[in-house]
Amino acid sequence: MSLPAPSLDTVVVVTGASSGIGAELSRQLAALGHDLVVVARRQDRLEALAEQLRRQHGVTVLVTPADLSKAAARKRLVQALRTSEKTVVGLCNNAGFGTFGRVLELDPRREAEMVALNVTAVHELTLAFVPAMVERRAGAILNVASLAAFQPLPDMATYAATKAFVQSFSEALHAELAGTGVSCTTLCPGPSPTEFGAVSGSADSEWMLSFASVAPEDVVSAAVRGMLRGRRSVIPGVAPKALAAGGRLAPRSVLLPAARKALSRR
């Protein structure tokens, strides 16, 4: 139950690869010798990353620009990968984004796009490639959730709910895959200096969790080790582990008012 060793006829897929954790996943997997398919909306960033990885590590990197919040784009990606000469032995579902604010004041279309990308894309891509992995008795999936998966978050209501789905689905799938040679690892990172805060609008609140910040390189190092070992879940960092435990155990009657009060101070 682990990510297979690199070979000439296999590939690892990384979504959301144009920045942050996705770009770092691509770097560390390429350093291990894996050929890659990198997926994101921003083709220029993907091309720059791909060229760097080809030059530094001698791997093959296929650039696939796609907005995975769209059903047609997900379908095209799955079809292209299924008809490729290379076999998908690893899938990193990292693409996702968040929003910040009272949910009734946010753009409903943007919230729906978040659900489509954070939930539907993860679900569809996972189910598209798990059967073949099980048939080969080899493969590893990494689904990126968040510390937000462990408790509801006022002002990030939809985002936390999407990550709760990823965490619950992925851990259950990991259990179902026991004995098949295939693993599903859930990555639950805490705060990390990436573009997430700027995109979600939560940058002004990130100072509250700065004590728990973990560098993207360290987050991904823990994630890749988890894939190699077939672990069920990975929470990088001591402070994030404590926060996750608190989110699991704290009564909602205490946690929700405290979270709302803290976020109102931004």
C-alpha atoms as a PDB file:
ATOM      1  CA  MET A   1       0.000   0.000   0.000  1.00  0.00           C
ATOM      2  CA  SER A   2       2.243   2.787  -1.239  1.00  0.00           C
ATOM      3  CA  LEU A   3       3.182   4.911  -4.208  1.00  0.00           C
ATOM      4  CA  PRO A   4       4.984   2.597  -6.649  1.00  0.00           C
ATOM      5  CA  ALA A   5       8.555   3.326  -7.685  1.00  0.00           C
ATOM      6  CA  PRO A   6       8.987   5.435 -10.834  1.00  0.00           C
ATOM      7  CA  SER A   7       9.064   3.672 -14.190  1.00  0.00           C
ATOM      8  CA  LEU A   8       9.079   4.686 -17.844  1.00  0.00           C
ATOM      9  CA  ASP A   9       5.434   3.745 -18.395  1.00  0.00           C
ATOM     10  CA  THR A  10       3.869   5.325 -15.292  1.00  0.00           C
ATOM     11  CA  VAL A  11       2.870   8.837 -14.300  1.00  0.00           C
ATOM     12  CA  VAL A  12       1.676  10.782 -11.261  1.00  0.00           C
ATOM     13  CA  VAL A  13      -1.060  13.399 -11.714  1.00  0.00           C
ATOM     14  CA  VAL A  14      -0.967  16.613  -9.668  1.00  0.00           C
ATOM     15  CA  THR A  15      -3.899  19.031  -9.809  1.00  0.00           C
ATOM     16  CA  GLY A  16      -3.619  22.629  -8.677  1.00  0.00           C
ATOM     17  CA  ALA A  17       0.050  22.423  -9.640  1.00  0.00           C
ATOM     18  CA  SER A  18       0.605  26.053 -10.616  1.00  0.00           C
ATOM     19  CA  SER A  19       1.442  27.302  -7.103  1.00  0.00           C
ATOM     20  CA  GLY A  20       1.784  26.504  -3.428  1.00  0.00           C
ATOM     21  CA  ILE A  21       1.443  22.922  -2.259  1.00  0.00           C
ATOM     22  CA  GLY A  22       0.670  21.651  -5.769  1.00  0.00           C
ATOM     23  CA  ALA A  23       3.833  23.113  -7.255  1.00  0.00           C
ATOM     24  CA  GLU A  24       5.889  21.749  -4.367  1.00  0.00           C
ATOM     25  CA  LEU A  25       4.301  18.303  -4.750  1.00  0.00           C
ATOM     26  CA  SER A  26       5.372  18.367  -8.393  1.00  0.00           C
ATOM     27  CA  ARG A  27       8.935  19.319  -7.430  1.00  0.00           C
ATOM     28  CA  GLN A  28       9.352  16.633  -4.788  1.00  0.00           C
ATOM     29  CA  LEU A  29       7.742  13.888  -6.875  1.00  0.00           C
ATOM     30  CA  ALA A  30       9.936  14.821  -9.842  1.00  0.00           C
ATOM     31  CA  ALA A  31      12.976  14.697  -7.562  1.00  0.00           C
ATOM     32  CA  LEU A  32      12.045  11.075  -6.843  1.00  0.00           C
ATOM     33  CA  GLY A  33      12.062  10.389 -10.584  1.00  0.00           C
ATOM     34  CA  HIS A  34       8.317  10.347 -11.323  1.00  0.00           C
ATOM     35  CA  ASP A  35       6.998  11.525 -14.670  1.00  0.00           C
ATOM     36  CA  LEU A  36       4.134  13.942 -14.123  1.00  0.00           C
ATOM     37  CA  VAL A  37       0.916  15.337 -15.492  1.00  0.00           C
ATOM     38  CA  VAL A  38       0.470  18.816 -14.005  1.00  0.00           C
ATOM     39  CA  VAL A  39      -3.001  20.358 -14.087  1.00  0.00           C
ATOM     40  CA  ALA A  40      -4.201  23.895 -13.296  1.00  0.00           C
ATOM     41  CA  ARG A  41      -5.867  26.855 -14.948  1.00  0.00           C
ATOM     42  CA  ARG A  42      -2.715  28.979 -15.387  1.00  0.00           C
ATOM     43  CA  GLN A  43      -0.865  27.478 -18.346  1.00  0.00           C
ATOM     44  CA  ASP A  44       2.028  29.929 -18.193  1.00  0.00           C
ATOM     45  CA  ARG A  45       2.898  28.898 -14.657  1.00  0.00           C
ATOM     46  CA  LEU A  46       2.571  25.226 -15.506  1.00  0.00           C
ATOM     47  CA  GLU A  47       4.878  25.605 -18.487  1.00  0.00           C
ATOM     48  CA  ALA A  48       7.522  27.362 -16.369  1.00  0.00           C
ATOM     49  CA  LEU A  49       7.288  24.674 -13.684  1.00  0.00           C
ATOM     50  CA  ALA A  50       7.417  21.850 -16.236  1.00  0.00           C
ATOM     51  CA  GLU A  51      10.524  23.270 -17.904  1.00  0.00           C
ATOM     52  CA  GLN A  52      12.262  23.587 -14.546  1.00  0.00           C
ATOM     53  CA  LEU A  53      11.457  19.990 -13.590  1.00  0.00           C
ATOM     54  CA  ARG A  54      12.538  18.578 -16.951  1.00  0.00           C
ATOM     55  CA  ARG A  55      15.840  20.417 -16.726  1.00  0.00           C
ATOM     56  CA  GLN A  56      16.585  19.597 -13.087  1.00  0.00           C
ATOM     57  CA  HIS A  57      15.365  16.007 -12.875  1.00  0.00           C
ATOM     58  CA  GLY A  58      15.169  14.659 -16.433  1.00  0.00           C
ATOM     59  CA  VAL A  59      11.535  13.654 -16.063  1.00  0.00           C
ATOM     60  CA  THR A  60       8.678  13.908 -18.537  1.00  0.00           C
ATOM     61  CA  VAL A  61       6.105  16.534 -17.569  1.00  0.00           C
ATOM     62  CA  LEU A  62       2.846  16.918 -19.480  1.00  0.00           C
ATOM     63  CA  VAL A  63       1.181  20.310 -19.036  1.00  0.00           C
ATOM     64  CA  THR A  64      -2.615  20.148 -18.987  1.00  0.00           C
ATOM     65  CA  PRO A  65      -4.392  23.472 -18.459  1.00  0.00           C
ATOM     66  CA  ALA A  66      -7.907  22.899 -17.127  1.00  0.00           C
ATOM     67  CA  ASP A  67     -10.511  24.447 -14.844  1.00  0.00           C
ATOM     68  CA  LEU A  68     -11.591  21.403 -12.863  1.00  0.00           C
ATOM     69  CA  SER A  69     -14.620  23.180 -11.446  1.00  0.00           C
ATOM     70  CA  LYS A  70     -16.151  22.543 -14.891  1.00  0.00           C
ATOM     71  CA  ALA A  71     -17.614  19.109 -15.647  1.00  0.00           C
ATOM     72  CA  ALA A  72     -16.469  19.171 -19.272  1.00  0.00           C
ATOM     73  CA  ALA A  73     -12.870  19.870 -18.248  1.00  0.00           C
ATOM     74  CA  ARG A  74     -12.896  16.993 -15.772  1.00  0.00           C
ATOM     75  CA  LYS A  75     -14.262  14.659 -18.425  1.00  0.00           C
ATOM     76  CA  ARG A  76     -11.596  15.681 -20.937  1.00  0.00           C
ATOM     77  CA  LEU A  77      -8.831  15.162 -18.389  1.00  0.00           C
ATOM     78  CA  VAL A  78     -10.042  11.686 -17.427  1.00  0.00           C
ATOM     79  CA  GLN A  79     -10.405  10.629 -21.063  1.00  0.00           C
ATOM     80  CA  ALA A  80      -6.936  11.911 -21.949  1.00  0.00           C
ATOM     81  CA  LEU A  81      -5.316  10.110 -19.052  1.00  0.00           C
ATOM     82  CA  ARG A  82      -7.161   6.853 -19.722  1.00  0.00           C
ATOM     83  CA  THR A  83      -6.040   6.815 -23.345  1.00  0.00           C
ATOM     84  CA  SER A  84      -2.461   7.832 -22.571  1.00  0.00           C
ATOM     85  CA  GLU A  85       0.438   5.436 -23.081  1.00  0.00           C
ATOM     86  CA  LYS A  86       1.390   5.955 -19.433  1.00  0.00           C
ATOM     87  CA  THR A  87      -0.409   4.382 -16.486  1.00  0.00           C
ATOM     88  CA  VAL A  88      -1.604   6.602 -13.640  1.00  0.00           C
ATOM     89  CA  VAL A  89      -0.048   5.165 -10.460  1.00  0.00           C
ATOM     90  CA  GLY A  90      -0.415   8.303  -8.354  1.00  0.00           C
ATOM     91  CA  LEU A  91      -3.104  10.970  -8.114  1.00  0.00           C
ATOM     92  CA  CYS A  92      -2.712  14.128  -6.028  1.00  0.00           C
ATOM     93  CA  ASN A  93      -6.052  15.938  -5.771  1.00  0.00           C
ATOM     94  CA  ASN A  94      -4.751  19.291  -4.602  1.00  0.00           C
ATOM     95  CA  ALA A  95      -6.752  21.820  -6.647  1.00  0.00           C
ATOM     96  CA  GLY A  96      -9.053  23.909  -4.505  1.00  0.00           C
ATOM     97  CA  PHE A  97      -9.765  27.359  -3.113  1.00  0.00           C
ATOM     98  CA  GLY A  98     -11.582  29.083  -0.270  1.00  0.00           C
ATOM     99  CA  THR A  99     -13.662  32.173   0.372  1.00  0.00           C
ATOM    100  CA  PHE A 100     -13.982  34.362   3.454  1.00  0.00           C
ATOM    101  CA  GLY A 101     -17.075  36.113   4.803  1.00  0.00           C
ATOM    102  CA  ARG A 102     -20.617  35.465   5.939  1.00  0.00           C
ATOM    103  CA  VAL A 103     -21.951  32.876   3.535  1.00  0.00           C
ATOM    104  CA  LEU A 104     -25.220  34.748   2.940  1.00  0.00           C
ATOM    105  CA  GLU A 105     -23.189  37.744   1.731  1.00  0.00           C
ATOM    106  CA  LEU A 106     -20.896  35.818  -0.615  1.00  0.00           C
ATOM    107  CA  ASP A 107     -21.474  35.171  -4.324  1.00  0.00           C
ATOM    108  CA  PRO A 108     -23.543  31.972  -4.580  1.00  0.00           C
ATOM    109  CA  ARG A 109     -21.965  31.142  -7.952  1.00  0.00           C
ATOM    110  CA  ARG A 110     -18.486  31.355  -6.471  1.00  0.00           C
ATOM    111  CA  GLU A 111     -19.550  29.148  -3.552  1.00  0.00           C
ATOM    112  CA  ALA A 112     -20.942  26.587  -6.015  1.00  0.00           C
ATOM    113  CA  GLU A 113     -17.660  26.656  -7.975  1.00  0.00           C
ATOM    114  CA  MET A 114     -15.836  25.928  -4.727  1.00  0.00           C
ATOM    115  CA  VAL A 115     -18.003  22.889  -4.041  1.00  0.00           C
ATOM    116  CA  ALA A 116     -17.476  21.681  -7.612  1.00  0.00           C
ATOM    117  CA  LEU A 117     -13.691  21.997  -7.374  1.00  0.00           C
ATOM    118  CA  ASN A 118     -13.066  21.040  -3.730  1.00  0.00           C
ATOM    119  CA  VAL A 119     -15.601  18.191  -3.603  1.00  0.00           C
ATOM    120  CA  THR A 120     -16.902  17.036  -6.983  1.00  0.00           C
ATOM    121  CA  ALA A 121     -13.534  17.092  -8.769  1.00  0.00           C
ATOM    122  CA  VAL A 122     -11.856  15.179  -5.932  1.00  0.00           C
ATOM    123  CA  HIS A 123     -14.656  12.598  -5.904  1.00  0.00           C
ATOM    124  CA  GLU A 124     -14.799  12.143  -9.691  1.00  0.00           C
ATOM    125  CA  LEU A 125     -11.056  11.920 -10.275  1.00  0.00           C
ATOM    126  CA  THR A 126     -10.556   9.529  -7.383  1.00  0.00           C
ATOM    127  CA  LEU A 127     -13.279   7.191  -8.618  1.00  0.00           C
ATOM    128  CA  ALA A 128     -12.024   7.475 -12.196  1.00  0.00           C
ATOM    129  CA  PHE A 129      -8.634   5.935 -11.358  1.00  0.00           C
ATOM    130  CA  VAL A 130      -9.103   3.789  -8.243  1.00  0.00           C
ATOM    131  CA  PRO A 131     -10.588   0.759 -10.067  1.00  0.00           C
ATOM    132  CA  ALA A 132      -7.601   0.377 -12.400  1.00  0.00           C
ATOM    133  CA  MET A 133      -5.187   0.828  -9.486  1.00  0.00           C
ATOM    134  CA  VAL A 134      -6.956  -1.908  -7.556  1.00  0.00           C
ATOM    135  CA  GLU A 135      -6.900  -4.169 -10.601  1.00  0.00           C
ATOM    136  CA  ARG A 136      -3.131  -3.675 -10.827  1.00  0.00           C
ATOM    137  CA  ARG A 137      -2.824  -3.902  -7.020  1.00  0.00           C
ATOM    138  CA  ALA A 138      -0.658  -0.786  -6.993  1.00  0.00           C
ATOM    139  CA  GLY A 139      -1.328   2.912  -6.651  1.00  0.00           C
ATOM    140  CA  ALA A 140      -1.588   5.838  -4.272  1.00  0.00           C
ATOM    141  CA  ILE A 141      -4.008   8.726  -3.983  1.00  0.00           C
ATOM    142  CA  LEU A 142      -3.374  11.919  -2.032  1.00  0.00           C
ATOM    143  CA  ASN A 143      -6.448  14.045  -1.343  1.00  0.00           C
ATOM    144  CA  VAL A 144      -5.686  17.459   0.139  1.00  0.00           C
ATOM    145  CA  ALA A 145      -8.084  18.489   2.880  1.00  0.00           C
ATOM    146  CA  SER A 146      -7.244  21.030   5.617  1.00  0.00           C
ATOM    147  CA  LEU A 147      -7.296  21.628   9.354  1.00  0.00           C
ATOM    148  CA  ALA A 148     -10.624  23.257   8.532  1.00  0.00           C
ATOM    149  CA  ALA A 149     -11.963  19.735   7.960  1.00  0.00           C
ATOM    150  CA  PHE A 150     -12.105  19.079  11.701  1.00  0.00           C
ATOM    151  CA  GLN A 151     -14.613  21.754  12.712  1.00  0.00           C
ATOM    152  CA  PRO A 152     -17.176  24.104  11.166  1.00  0.00           C
ATOM    153  CA  LEU A 153     -15.763  27.601  10.630  1.00  0.00           C
ATOM    154  CA  PRO A 154     -17.916  30.741  10.660  1.00  0.00           C
ATOM    155  CA  ASP A 155     -16.862  33.043   7.809  1.00  0.00           C
ATOM    156  CA  MET A 156     -15.442  30.024   5.961  1.00  0.00           C
ATOM    157  CA  ALA A 157     -18.565  27.889   6.139  1.00  0.00           C
ATOM    158  CA  THR A 158     -18.531  26.408   2.644  1.00  0.00           C
ATOM    159  CA  TYR A 159     -14.776  25.897   2.565  1.00  0.00           C
ATOM    160  CA  ALA A 160     -14.682  24.019   5.883  1.00  0.00           C
ATOM    161  CA  ALA A 161     -17.611  21.869   4.784  1.00  0.00           C
ATOM    162  CA  THR A 162     -15.894  20.933   1.513  1.00  0.00           C
ATOM    163  CA  LYS A 163     -12.743  19.914   3.353  1.00  0.00           C
ATOM    164  CA  ALA A 164     -14.766  17.902   5.866  1.00  0.00           C
ATOM    165  CA  PHE A 165     -16.123  15.933   2.913  1.00  0.00           C
ATOM    166  CA  VAL A 166     -12.631  15.312   1.544  1.00  0.00           C
ATOM    167  CA  GLN A 167     -11.357  14.140   4.918  1.00  0.00           C
ATOM    168  CA  SER A 168     -14.319  11.854   5.641  1.00  0.00           C
ATOM    169  CA  PHE A 169     -14.502  10.375   2.135  1.00  0.00           C
ATOM    170  CA  SER A 170     -10.769   9.791   1.882  1.00  0.00           C
ATOM    171  CA  GLU A 171     -10.368   8.123   5.262  1.00  0.00           C
ATOM    172  CA  ALA A 172     -13.315   5.825   4.567  1.00  0.00           C
ATOM    173  CA  LEU A 173     -11.901   4.955   1.141  1.00  0.00           C
ATOM    174  CA  HIS A 174      -8.530   4.188   2.718  1.00  0.00           C
ATOM    175  CA  ALA A 175     -10.248   1.645   4.966  1.00  0.00           C
ATOM    176  CA  GLU A 176     -12.113   0.105   2.030  1.00  0.00           C
ATOM    177  CA  LEU A 177      -8.841  -0.279   0.126  1.00  0.00           C
ATOM    178  CA  ALA A 178      -7.135  -2.294   2.855  1.00  0.00           C
ATOM    179  CA  GLY A 179      -5.414  -5.323   1.338  1.00  0.00           C
ATOM    180  CA  THR A 180      -5.705  -4.132  -2.267  1.00  0.00           C
ATOM    181  CA  GLY A 181      -2.210  -2.688  -2.609  1.00  0.00           C
ATOM    182  CA  VAL A 182      -3.721   0.788  -3.098  1.00  0.00           C
ATOM    183  CA  SER A 183      -3.825   3.601  -0.539  1.00  0.00           C
ATOM    184  CA  CYS A 184      -5.693   6.860  -0.114  1.00  0.00           C
ATOM    185  CA  THR A 185      -3.895   9.406   2.059  1.00  0.00           C
ATOM    186  CA  THR A 186      -5.582  12.528   3.394  1.00  0.00           C
ATOM    187  CA  LEU A 187      -3.348  15.568   3.790  1.00  0.00           C
ATOM    188  CA  CYS A 188      -4.648  18.081   6.342  1.00  0.00           C
ATOM    189  CA  PRO A 189      -2.266  21.048   6.342  1.00  0.00           C
ATOM    190  CA  GLY A 190      -2.619  23.980   8.678  1.00  0.00           C
ATOM    191  CA  PRO A 191      -1.607  27.513   7.771  1.00  0.00           C
ATOM    192  CA  SER A 192       1.211  27.719   5.258  1.00  0.00           C
ATOM    193  CA  PRO A 193       2.679  30.692   3.352  1.00  0.00           C
ATOM    194  CA  THR A 194       0.994  30.123  -0.009  1.00  0.00           C
ATOM    195  CA  GLU A 195      -1.424  32.144  -2.158  1.00  0.00           C
ATOM    196  CA  PHE A 196      -4.467  30.680  -0.352  1.00  0.00           C
ATOM    197  CA  GLY A 197      -5.036  33.692   1.925  1.00  0.00           C
ATOM    198  CA  ALA A 198      -4.865  36.193  -0.918  1.00  0.00           C
ATOM    199  CA  VAL A 199      -7.285  34.193  -3.057  1.00  0.00           C
ATOM    200  CA  SER A 200      -9.766  33.473  -0.257  1.00  0.00           C
ATOM    201  CA  GLY A 201      -9.675  36.951   1.265  1.00  0.00           C
ATOM    202  CA  SER A 202      -8.565  35.586   4.637  1.00  0.00           C
ATOM    203  CA  ALA A 203      -5.028  37.006   4.590  1.00  0.00           C
ATOM    204  CA  ASP A 204      -5.856  39.563   7.297  1.00  0.00           C
ATOM    205  CA  SER A 205      -6.828  36.748   9.667  1.00  0.00           C
ATOM    206  CA  GLU A 206      -3.861  34.445   9.110  1.00  0.00           C
ATOM    207  CA  TRP A 207      -1.838  36.134  11.871  1.00  0.00           C
ATOM    208  CA  MET A 208      -4.028  34.356  14.435  1.00  0.00           C
ATOM    209  CA  LEU A 209      -2.589  30.985  13.444  1.00  0.00           C
ATOM    210  CA  SER A 210       0.932  32.123  12.591  1.00  0.00           C
ATOM    211  CA  PHE A 211       2.280  30.050  15.495  1.00  0.00           C
ATOM    212  CA  ALA A 212       1.103  26.924  13.642  1.00  0.00           C
ATOM    213  CA  SER A 213       2.492  27.844  10.227  1.00  0.00           C
ATOM    214  CA  VAL A 214       4.409  25.118   8.386  1.00  0.00           C
ATOM    215  CA  ALA A 215       6.484  25.790   5.267  1.00  0.00           C
ATOM    216  CA  PRO A 216       5.072  24.304   2.013  1.00  0.00           C
ATOM    217  CA  GLU A 217       8.258  22.266   1.579  1.00  0.00           C
ATOM    218  CA  ASP A 218       7.734  20.597   4.955  1.00  0.00           C
ATOM    219  CA  VAL A 219       4.023  20.050   4.342  1.00  0.00           C
ATOM    220  CA  VAL A 220       4.780  18.294   1.058  1.00  0.00           C
ATOM    221  CA  SER A 221       7.680  16.290   2.468  1.00  0.00           C
ATOM    222  CA  ALA A 222       5.289  14.825   5.052  1.00  0.00           C
ATOM    223  CA  ALA A 223       2.652  14.243   2.381  1.00  0.00           C
ATOM    224  CA  VAL A 224       5.010  12.383   0.039  1.00  0.00           C
ATOM    225  CA  ARG A 225       6.243  10.214   2.909  1.00  0.00           C
ATOM    226  CA  GLY A 226       2.613   9.431   3.658  1.00  0.00           C
ATOM    227  CA  MET A 227       1.990   8.378   0.053  1.00  0.00           C
ATOM    228  CA  LEU A 228       5.111   6.220   0.001  1.00  0.00           C
ATOM    229  CA  ARG A 229       4.073   4.472   3.200  1.00  0.00           C
ATOM    230  CA  GLY A 230       0.373   4.234   2.386  1.00  0.00           C
ATOM    231  CA  ARG A 231      -0.703   6.206   5.443  1.00  0.00           C
ATOM    232  CA  ARG A 232      -4.342   7.042   6.102  1.00  0.00           C
ATOM    233  CA  SER A 233      -3.811  10.682   7.075  1.00  0.00           C
ATOM    234  CA  VAL A 234      -1.051  13.247   7.440  1.00  0.00           C
ATOM    235  CA  ILE A 235      -1.184  16.413   9.577  1.00  0.00           C
ATOM    236  CA  PRO A 236       2.191  18.164   9.249  1.00  0.00           C
ATOM    237  CA  GLY A 237       3.495  19.978  12.325  1.00  0.00           C
ATOM    238  CA  VAL A 238       3.068  19.696  16.094  1.00  0.00           C
ATOM    239  CA  ALA A 239       0.798  22.730  16.525  1.00  0.00           C
ATOM    240  CA  PRO A 240      -1.534  21.717  13.655  1.00  0.00           C
ATOM    241  CA  LYS A 241      -1.890  18.251  15.213  1.00  0.00           C
ATOM    242  CA  ALA A 242      -2.977  19.888  18.478  1.00  0.00           C
ATOM    243  CA  LEU A 243      -5.440  22.141  16.651  1.00  0.00           C
ATOM    244  CA  ALA A 244      -6.901  19.153  14.814  1.00  0.00           C
ATOM    245  CA  ALA A 245      -7.414  17.320  18.103  1.00  0.00           C
ATOM    246  CA  GLY A 246      -9.090  20.395  19.559  1.00  0.00           C
ATOM    247  CA  GLY A 247     -11.387  20.644  16.571  1.00  0.00           C
ATOM    248  CA  ARG A 248     -12.404  17.024  17.001  1.00  0.00           C
ATOM    249  CA  LEU A 249     -12.949  17.152  20.751  1.00  0.00           C
ATOM    250  CA  ALA A 250     -14.128  20.666  21.637  1.00  0.00           C
ATOM    251  CA  PRO A 251     -17.909  21.000  22.119  1.00  0.00           C
ATOM    252  CA  ARG A 252     -19.503  22.928  19.269  1.00  0.00           C
ATOM    253  CA  SER A 253     -21.229  25.167  21.823  1.00  0.00           C
ATOM    254  CA  VAL A 254     -17.766  26.382  22.845  1.00  0.00           C
ATOM    255  CA  LEU A 255     -15.868  26.144  19.569  1.00  0.00           C
ATOM    256  CA  LEU A 256     -18.279  28.016  17.283  1.00  0.00           C
ATOM    257  CA  PRO A 257     -18.691  31.194  19.395  1.00  0.00           C
ATOM    258  CA  ALA A 258     -14.932  31.281  20.029  1.00  0.00           C
ATOM    259  CA  ALA A 259     -14.129  30.929  16.324  1.00  0.00           C
ATOM    260  CA  ARG A 260     -16.663  33.585  15.375  1.00  0.00           C
ATOM    261  CA  LYS A 261     -15.320  36.028  17.964  1.00  0.00           C
ATOM    262  CA  ALA A 262     -11.726  35.471  16.900  1.00  0.00           C
ATOM    263  CA  LEU A 263     -12.497  35.986  13.222  1.00  0.00           C
ATOM    264  CA  SER A 264     -14.524  39.132  13.947  1.00  0.00           C
ATOM    265  CA  ARG A 265     -11.314  40.777  15.190  1.00  0.00           C
ATOM    266  CA  ARG A 266      -9.616  40.657  11.774  1.00  0.00           C
END
